[in-house]
């Protein structure tokens, strides 16, 4: 997959400024986009396997939570603007904790990406605050919402709300997100009403919980 992606990137660069090969450029770009999606699916499957076998560990360090969220939001701004969606963040400073920055990035990238995709082109708001000894991040969209019977299953493997069925994916993103939040000894909750959008609330303990890395535990059967 890596070799294929690199070759397609070289072709895209070679064709980009050849007006007579515009159709070829668009076709190769489409192939490159599909390879990127396949890579994301493979990453999800690998993460699921690591979680199920207890092989994921957290490499903790001091993380500035508002700074991390601002970086993620800035990265998503072009995508949000292309869809006509406003993406805003409010954050308390400073708010630092001992967490795995790469895994936190994975958690919030997934939540913000979902809010943009499923938010029906409505505003998406992210907030970061401190509540006692916990950092709290909320991701709010104003899309169609999730039906109550699916809210209890949304963090299970391969589960997708009916309104999300037309979009690609394996239904692993929120399962992985849930497991990674739990690995930090945090919690993730969903609040949603039909026609009024969905809000995901992540709480993370600020104090260091252990010396060294903390493995993700297997999901209970």
C-alpha atoms as a PDB file:
ATOM      1  CA  UNK A   1       0.000   0.000   0.000  1.00  0.00           C
ATOM      2  CA  UNK A   2       2.857   2.378   0.788  1.00  0.00           C
ATOM      3  CA  UNK A   3       4.610   1.652  -2.498  1.00  0.00           C
ATOM      4  CA  UNK A   4       1.347   2.103  -4.417  1.00  0.00           C
ATOM      5  CA  UNK A   5       0.651   5.399  -2.659  1.00  0.00           C
ATOM      6  CA  UNK A   6       4.138   6.727  -3.430  1.00  0.00           C
ATOM      7  CA  UNK A   7       3.863   5.818  -7.107  1.00  0.00           C
ATOM      8  CA  UNK A   8       0.468   7.487  -7.381  1.00  0.00           C
ATOM      9  CA  UNK A   9       1.814  10.626  -5.701  1.00  0.00           C
ATOM     10  CA  UNK A  10       4.626  10.773  -8.273  1.00  0.00           C
ATOM     11  CA  UNK A  11       2.094  10.429 -11.094  1.00  0.00           C
ATOM     12  CA  UNK A  12      -0.099  13.162  -9.638  1.00  0.00           C
ATOM     13  CA  UNK A  13       2.863  15.538  -9.494  1.00  0.00           C
ATOM     14  CA  UNK A  14       3.901  14.684 -13.056  1.00  0.00           C
ATOM     15  CA  UNK A  15       0.390  15.225 -14.449  1.00  0.00           C
ATOM     16  CA  UNK A  16      -0.696  18.209 -12.381  1.00  0.00           C
ATOM     17  CA  UNK A  17       0.488  20.893 -14.812  1.00  0.00           C
ATOM     18  CA  UNK A  18      -0.179  18.999 -18.057  1.00  0.00           C
ATOM     19  CA  UNK A  19      -3.442  20.509 -19.268  1.00  0.00           C
ATOM     20  CA  UNK A  20      -3.695  18.023 -22.130  1.00  0.00           C
ATOM     21  CA  UNK A  21      -3.698  15.197 -19.556  1.00  0.00           C
ATOM     22  CA  UNK A  22      -6.306  16.704 -17.229  1.00  0.00           C
ATOM     23  CA  UNK A  23      -8.510  13.592 -17.362  1.00  0.00           C
ATOM     24  CA  UNK A  24      -5.570  11.370 -16.491  1.00  0.00           C
ATOM     25  CA  UNK A  25      -4.648  13.649 -13.584  1.00  0.00           C
ATOM     26  CA  UNK A  26      -8.176  13.458 -12.173  1.00  0.00           C
ATOM     27  CA  UNK A  27      -8.229   9.683 -12.530  1.00  0.00           C
ATOM     28  CA  UNK A  28      -4.901   9.206 -10.762  1.00  0.00           C
ATOM     29  CA  UNK A  29      -5.952  11.642  -8.023  1.00  0.00           C
ATOM     30  CA  UNK A  30      -9.116   9.594  -7.494  1.00  0.00           C
ATOM     31  CA  UNK A  31      -7.018   6.430  -7.192  1.00  0.00           C
ATOM     32  CA  UNK A  32      -4.752   8.146  -4.661  1.00  0.00           C
ATOM     33  CA  UNK A  33      -7.771   9.190  -2.598  1.00  0.00           C
ATOM     34  CA  UNK A  34      -9.068   5.617  -2.597  1.00  0.00           C
ATOM     35  CA  UNK A  35      -5.672   4.287  -1.491  1.00  0.00           C
ATOM     36  CA  UNK A  36      -5.742   6.775   1.404  1.00  0.00           C
ATOM     37  CA  UNK A  37      -9.167   5.489   2.443  1.00  0.00           C
ATOM     38  CA  UNK A  38      -7.964   1.888   2.257  1.00  0.00           C
ATOM     39  CA  UNK A  39      -4.990   2.794   4.445  1.00  0.00           C
ATOM     40  CA  UNK A  40      -7.358   4.280   7.018  1.00  0.00           C
ATOM     41  CA  UNK A  41      -9.445   1.095   7.022  1.00  0.00           C
ATOM     42  CA  UNK A  42      -6.332  -1.049   7.450  1.00  0.00           C
ATOM     43  CA  UNK A  43      -5.156   1.153  10.329  1.00  0.00           C
ATOM     44  CA  UNK A  44      -8.538   0.697  12.027  1.00  0.00           C
ATOM     45  CA  UNK A  45      -8.364  -3.082  11.606  1.00  0.00           C
ATOM     46  CA  UNK A  46      -4.822  -3.176  12.988  1.00  0.00           C
ATOM     47  CA  UNK A  47      -5.809  -1.018  15.958  1.00  0.00           C
ATOM     48  CA  UNK A  48      -8.783  -3.277  16.650  1.00  0.00           C
ATOM     49  CA  UNK A  49      -6.488  -6.306  16.643  1.00  0.00           C
ATOM     50  CA  UNK A  50      -4.012  -4.629  18.989  1.00  0.00           C
ATOM     51  CA  UNK A  51      -6.821  -3.618  21.333  1.00  0.00           C
ATOM     52  CA  UNK A  52      -8.311  -7.108  21.371  1.00  0.00           C
ATOM     53  CA  UNK A  53      -4.915  -8.650  22.168  1.00  0.00           C
ATOM     54  CA  UNK A  54      -3.860  -6.006  24.694  1.00  0.00           C
ATOM     55  CA  UNK A  55      -0.892  -4.881  22.588  1.00  0.00           C
ATOM     56  CA  UNK A  56      -1.550  -1.144  22.509  1.00  0.00           C
ATOM     57  CA  UNK A  57       0.439   0.875  25.038  1.00  0.00           C
ATOM     58  CA  UNK A  58       0.295   4.570  25.804  1.00  0.00           C
ATOM     59  CA  UNK A  59       3.488   6.594  25.511  1.00  0.00           C
ATOM     60  CA  UNK A  60       2.670   9.321  28.005  1.00  0.00           C
ATOM     61  CA  UNK A  61       4.159  12.760  28.197  1.00  0.00           C
ATOM     62  CA  UNK A  62       3.020  16.244  29.184  1.00  0.00           C
ATOM     63  CA  UNK A  63       0.328  17.403  26.729  1.00  0.00           C
ATOM     64  CA  UNK A  64      -1.171  20.879  26.411  1.00  0.00           C
ATOM     65  CA  UNK A  65      -4.757  19.867  25.644  1.00  0.00           C
ATOM     66  CA  UNK A  66      -6.000  23.201  24.201  1.00  0.00           C
ATOM     67  CA  UNK A  67      -2.918  23.459  21.994  1.00  0.00           C
ATOM     68  CA  UNK A  68      -3.463  19.926  20.681  1.00  0.00           C
ATOM     69  CA  UNK A  69      -7.132  20.633  19.907  1.00  0.00           C
ATOM     70  CA  UNK A  70      -6.290  23.909  18.162  1.00  0.00           C
ATOM     71  CA  UNK A  71      -3.820  22.067  15.915  1.00  0.00           C
ATOM     72  CA  UNK A  72      -6.415  19.444  14.994  1.00  0.00           C
ATOM     73  CA  UNK A  73      -9.112  22.055  14.326  1.00  0.00           C
ATOM     74  CA  UNK A  74      -6.760  24.083  12.109  1.00  0.00           C
ATOM     75  CA  UNK A  75      -6.002  20.955  10.107  1.00  0.00           C
ATOM     76  CA  UNK A  76      -9.726  20.359   9.509  1.00  0.00           C
ATOM     77  CA  UNK A  77     -10.575  23.949   8.551  1.00  0.00           C
ATOM     78  CA  UNK A  78     -10.065  23.483   4.768  1.00  0.00           C
ATOM     79  CA  UNK A  79     -12.310  20.400   4.732  1.00  0.00           C
ATOM     80  CA  UNK A  80     -14.978  22.146   6.805  1.00  0.00           C
ATOM     81  CA  UNK A  81     -14.907  25.250   4.601  1.00  0.00           C
ATOM     82  CA  UNK A  82     -15.176  23.133   1.448  1.00  0.00           C
ATOM     83  CA  UNK A  83     -18.385  21.636   2.874  1.00  0.00           C
ATOM     84  CA  UNK A  84     -19.750  25.002   3.968  1.00  0.00           C
ATOM     85  CA  UNK A  85     -19.375  24.111   7.646  1.00  0.00           C
ATOM     86  CA  UNK A  86     -18.053  26.420  10.357  1.00  0.00           C
ATOM     87  CA  UNK A  87     -15.638  24.840  12.821  1.00  0.00           C
ATOM     88  CA  UNK A  88     -14.959  26.711  16.069  1.00  0.00           C
ATOM     89  CA  UNK A  89     -13.140  25.975  19.318  1.00  0.00           C
ATOM     90  CA  UNK A  90     -13.246  27.540  22.767  1.00  0.00           C
ATOM     91  CA  UNK A  91     -10.595  26.510  25.255  1.00  0.00           C
ATOM     92  CA  UNK A  92      -9.378  27.309  28.739  1.00  0.00           C
ATOM     93  CA  UNK A  93      -5.656  27.898  29.067  1.00  0.00           C
ATOM     94  CA  UNK A  94      -3.543  26.423  30.446  1.00  0.00           C
ATOM     95  CA  UNK A  95      -4.741  22.819  30.730  1.00  0.00           C
ATOM     96  CA  UNK A  96      -2.001  20.201  30.668  1.00  0.00           C
ATOM     97  CA  UNK A  97      -1.945  16.550  31.650  1.00  0.00           C
ATOM     98  CA  UNK A  98       0.049  13.338  31.318  1.00  0.00           C
ATOM     99  CA  UNK A  99      -1.369  11.617  28.240  1.00  0.00           C
ATOM    100  CA  UNK A 100      -0.328   9.970  24.986  1.00  0.00           C
ATOM    101  CA  UNK A 101      -0.435  12.825  22.427  1.00  0.00           C
ATOM    102  CA  UNK A 102      -0.676  10.558  19.374  1.00  0.00           C
ATOM    103  CA  UNK A 103      -3.589   8.594  20.819  1.00  0.00           C
ATOM    104  CA  UNK A 104      -5.359  11.783  21.919  1.00  0.00           C
ATOM    105  CA  UNK A 105      -4.924  13.096  18.392  1.00  0.00           C
ATOM    106  CA  UNK A 106      -6.478   9.880  17.082  1.00  0.00           C
ATOM    107  CA  UNK A 107      -9.433  10.220  19.480  1.00  0.00           C
ATOM    108  CA  UNK A 108     -10.269  13.822  18.637  1.00  0.00           C
ATOM    109  CA  UNK A 109      -9.491  13.540  14.946  1.00  0.00           C
ATOM    110  CA  UNK A 110     -12.109  10.808  14.714  1.00  0.00           C
ATOM    111  CA  UNK A 111     -14.722  12.746  16.680  1.00  0.00           C
ATOM    112  CA  UNK A 112     -14.234  15.989  14.748  1.00  0.00           C
ATOM    113  CA  UNK A 113     -14.133  14.170  11.404  1.00  0.00           C
ATOM    114  CA  UNK A 114     -17.438  12.457  12.231  1.00  0.00           C
ATOM    115  CA  UNK A 115     -19.024  15.741  13.321  1.00  0.00           C
ATOM    116  CA  UNK A 116     -18.094  17.345  10.002  1.00  0.00           C
ATOM    117  CA  UNK A 117     -19.234  14.371   7.897  1.00  0.00           C
ATOM    118  CA  UNK A 118     -22.501  13.715   9.694  1.00  0.00           C
ATOM    119  CA  UNK A 119     -23.298  17.277  10.790  1.00  0.00           C
ATOM    120  CA  UNK A 120     -25.467  18.135   7.780  1.00  0.00           C
ATOM    121  CA  UNK A 121     -23.293  21.164   6.906  1.00  0.00           C
ATOM    122  CA  UNK A 122     -24.219  22.788  10.207  1.00  0.00           C
ATOM    123  CA  UNK A 123     -21.724  24.422  12.612  1.00  0.00           C
ATOM    124  CA  UNK A 124     -19.439  22.178  14.651  1.00  0.00           C
ATOM    125  CA  UNK A 125     -18.275  23.456  18.049  1.00  0.00           C
ATOM    126  CA  UNK A 126     -15.441  22.081  20.173  1.00  0.00           C
ATOM    127  CA  UNK A 127     -14.834  23.152  23.745  1.00  0.00           C
ATOM    128  CA  UNK A 128     -12.008  22.342  26.156  1.00  0.00           C
ATOM    129  CA  UNK A 129     -12.353  23.005  29.877  1.00  0.00           C
ATOM    130  CA  UNK A 130     -11.212  21.827  33.272  1.00  0.00           C
ATOM    131  CA  UNK A 131     -13.580  20.219  35.751  1.00  0.00           C
ATOM    132  CA  UNK A 132     -11.791  19.549  39.015  1.00  0.00           C
ATOM    133  CA  UNK A 133      -9.039  17.019  38.303  1.00  0.00           C
ATOM    134  CA  UNK A 134     -10.330  16.257  34.804  1.00  0.00           C
ATOM    135  CA  UNK A 135      -9.967  17.773  31.379  1.00  0.00           C
ATOM    136  CA  UNK A 136     -13.257  17.828  29.465  1.00  0.00           C
ATOM    137  CA  UNK A 137     -13.570  18.045  25.681  1.00  0.00           C
ATOM    138  CA  UNK A 138     -16.942  18.278  23.944  1.00  0.00           C
ATOM    139  CA  UNK A 139     -17.546  17.937  20.217  1.00  0.00           C
ATOM    140  CA  UNK A 140     -20.976  19.207  19.203  1.00  0.00           C
ATOM    141  CA  UNK A 141     -22.628  18.945  15.802  1.00  0.00           C
ATOM    142  CA  UNK A 142     -26.095  20.047  14.707  1.00  0.00           C
ATOM    143  CA  UNK A 143     -26.867  17.214  12.328  1.00  0.00           C
ATOM    144  CA  UNK A 144     -29.813  14.797  12.270  1.00  0.00           C
ATOM    145  CA  UNK A 145     -28.916  13.186  15.588  1.00  0.00           C
ATOM    146  CA  UNK A 146     -28.814   9.484  16.491  1.00  0.00           C
ATOM    147  CA  UNK A 147     -31.889   7.453  17.330  1.00  0.00           C
ATOM    148  CA  UNK A 148     -32.083   6.381  21.005  1.00  0.00           C
ATOM    149  CA  UNK A 149     -31.961   2.637  20.253  1.00  0.00           C
ATOM    150  CA  UNK A 150     -28.585   3.064  18.523  1.00  0.00           C
ATOM    151  CA  UNK A 151     -26.999   5.348  21.099  1.00  0.00           C
ATOM    152  CA  UNK A 152     -26.263   2.475  23.494  1.00  0.00           C
ATOM    153  CA  UNK A 153     -24.558   0.493  20.712  1.00  0.00           C
ATOM    154  CA  UNK A 154     -22.617   3.274  19.032  1.00  0.00           C
ATOM    155  CA  UNK A 155     -19.287   2.374  20.706  1.00  0.00           C
ATOM    156  CA  UNK A 156     -19.450  -1.307  19.743  1.00  0.00           C
ATOM    157  CA  UNK A 157     -17.427  -2.832  16.933  1.00  0.00           C
ATOM    158  CA  UNK A 158     -18.950  -2.598  13.446  1.00  0.00           C
ATOM    159  CA  UNK A 159     -21.943  -0.601  14.688  1.00  0.00           C
ATOM    160  CA  UNK A 160     -23.192   2.283  12.551  1.00  0.00           C
ATOM    161  CA  UNK A 161     -26.312   4.402  12.920  1.00  0.00           C
ATOM    162  CA  UNK A 162     -28.668   4.043   9.926  1.00  0.00           C
ATOM    163  CA  UNK A 163     -28.147   7.697   8.957  1.00  0.00           C
ATOM    164  CA  UNK A 164     -24.416   6.968   8.519  1.00  0.00           C
ATOM    165  CA  UNK A 165     -24.858   3.980   6.242  1.00  0.00           C
ATOM    166  CA  UNK A 166     -24.283   5.896   3.015  1.00  0.00           C
ATOM    167  CA  UNK A 167     -20.747   6.830   4.058  1.00  0.00           C
ATOM    168  CA  UNK A 168     -17.712   4.560   3.923  1.00  0.00           C
ATOM    169  CA  UNK A 169     -16.035   2.844   6.846  1.00  0.00           C
ATOM    170  CA  UNK A 170     -16.217  -0.303   8.915  1.00  0.00           C
ATOM    171  CA  UNK A 171     -17.906   1.087  12.010  1.00  0.00           C
ATOM    172  CA  UNK A 172     -14.682   0.804  14.027  1.00  0.00           C
ATOM    173  CA  UNK A 173     -13.825   4.447  14.612  1.00  0.00           C
ATOM    174  CA  UNK A 174     -15.944   5.031  17.701  1.00  0.00           C
ATOM    175  CA  UNK A 175     -15.102   1.586  19.096  1.00  0.00           C
ATOM    176  CA  UNK A 176     -11.385   2.406  18.872  1.00  0.00           C
ATOM    177  CA  UNK A 177     -11.996   5.901  20.248  1.00  0.00           C
ATOM    178  CA  UNK A 178     -13.895   4.451  23.232  1.00  0.00           C
ATOM    179  CA  UNK A 179     -11.140   1.942  23.973  1.00  0.00           C
ATOM    180  CA  UNK A 180      -8.382   4.572  23.792  1.00  0.00           C
ATOM    181  CA  UNK A 181     -10.293   6.900  26.120  1.00  0.00           C
ATOM    182  CA  UNK A 182     -10.733   4.035  28.575  1.00  0.00           C
ATOM    183  CA  UNK A 183      -7.011   3.267  28.330  1.00  0.00           C
ATOM    184  CA  UNK A 184      -6.398   6.768  29.664  1.00  0.00           C
ATOM    185  CA  UNK A 185      -8.843   5.910  32.480  1.00  0.00           C
ATOM    186  CA  UNK A 186     -11.206   8.483  31.036  1.00  0.00           C
ATOM    187  CA  UNK A 187     -14.802   8.346  29.850  1.00  0.00           C
ATOM    188  CA  UNK A 188     -16.676   9.197  26.672  1.00  0.00           C
ATOM    189  CA  UNK A 189     -20.420   9.858  26.564  1.00  0.00           C
ATOM    190  CA  UNK A 190     -22.917  10.637  23.849  1.00  0.00           C
ATOM    191  CA  UNK A 191     -25.863  13.022  24.076  1.00  0.00           C
ATOM    192  CA  UNK A 192     -28.077  13.156  21.025  1.00  0.00           C
ATOM    193  CA  UNK A 193     -31.607  14.121  20.047  1.00  0.00           C
ATOM    194  CA  UNK A 194     -33.236  13.536  16.707  1.00  0.00           C
ATOM    195  CA  UNK A 195     -33.148  16.764  14.739  1.00  0.00           C
ATOM    196  CA  UNK A 196     -30.925  18.521  17.291  1.00  0.00           C
ATOM    197  CA  UNK A 197     -27.511  16.997  16.671  1.00  0.00           C
ATOM    198  CA  UNK A 198     -25.048  14.994  18.726  1.00  0.00           C
ATOM    199  CA  UNK A 199     -22.543  15.848  21.425  1.00  0.00           C
ATOM    200  CA  UNK A 200     -19.617  13.635  22.404  1.00  0.00           C
ATOM    201  CA  UNK A 201     -18.116  14.402  25.823  1.00  0.00           C
ATOM    202  CA  UNK A 202     -14.639  13.107  26.669  1.00  0.00           C
ATOM    203  CA  UNK A 203     -13.240  13.378  30.199  1.00  0.00           C
ATOM    204  CA  UNK A 204      -9.570  12.702  30.893  1.00  0.00           C
ATOM    205  CA  UNK A 205      -7.866  12.601  34.310  1.00  0.00           C
ATOM    206  CA  UNK A 206      -5.223  15.295  34.515  1.00  0.00           C
ATOM    207  CA  UNK A 207      -3.007  13.699  37.153  1.00  0.00           C
ATOM    208  CA  UNK A 208      -0.513  11.015  36.144  1.00  0.00           C
ATOM    209  CA  UNK A 209      -2.163   7.648  36.876  1.00  0.00           C
ATOM    210  CA  UNK A 210       0.807   5.324  36.674  1.00  0.00           C
ATOM    211  CA  UNK A 211       4.509   5.084  36.192  1.00  0.00           C
ATOM    212  CA  UNK A 212       5.114   4.191  32.578  1.00  0.00           C
ATOM    213  CA  UNK A 213       2.788   3.027  29.855  1.00  0.00           C
ATOM    214  CA  UNK A 214      -0.740   1.758  30.313  1.00  0.00           C
ATOM    215  CA  UNK A 215      -1.956  -0.991  27.964  1.00  0.00           C
ATOM    216  CA  UNK A 216      -5.401  -0.922  26.442  1.00  0.00           C
ATOM    217  CA  UNK A 217      -7.454  -3.687  28.005  1.00  0.00           C
ATOM    218  CA  UNK A 218      -9.472  -6.214  26.060  1.00  0.00           C
ATOM    219  CA  UNK A 219     -13.119  -5.381  25.608  1.00  0.00           C
ATOM    220  CA  UNK A 220     -15.376  -7.458  27.812  1.00  0.00           C
ATOM    221  CA  UNK A 221     -17.459  -9.988  25.934  1.00  0.00           C
END
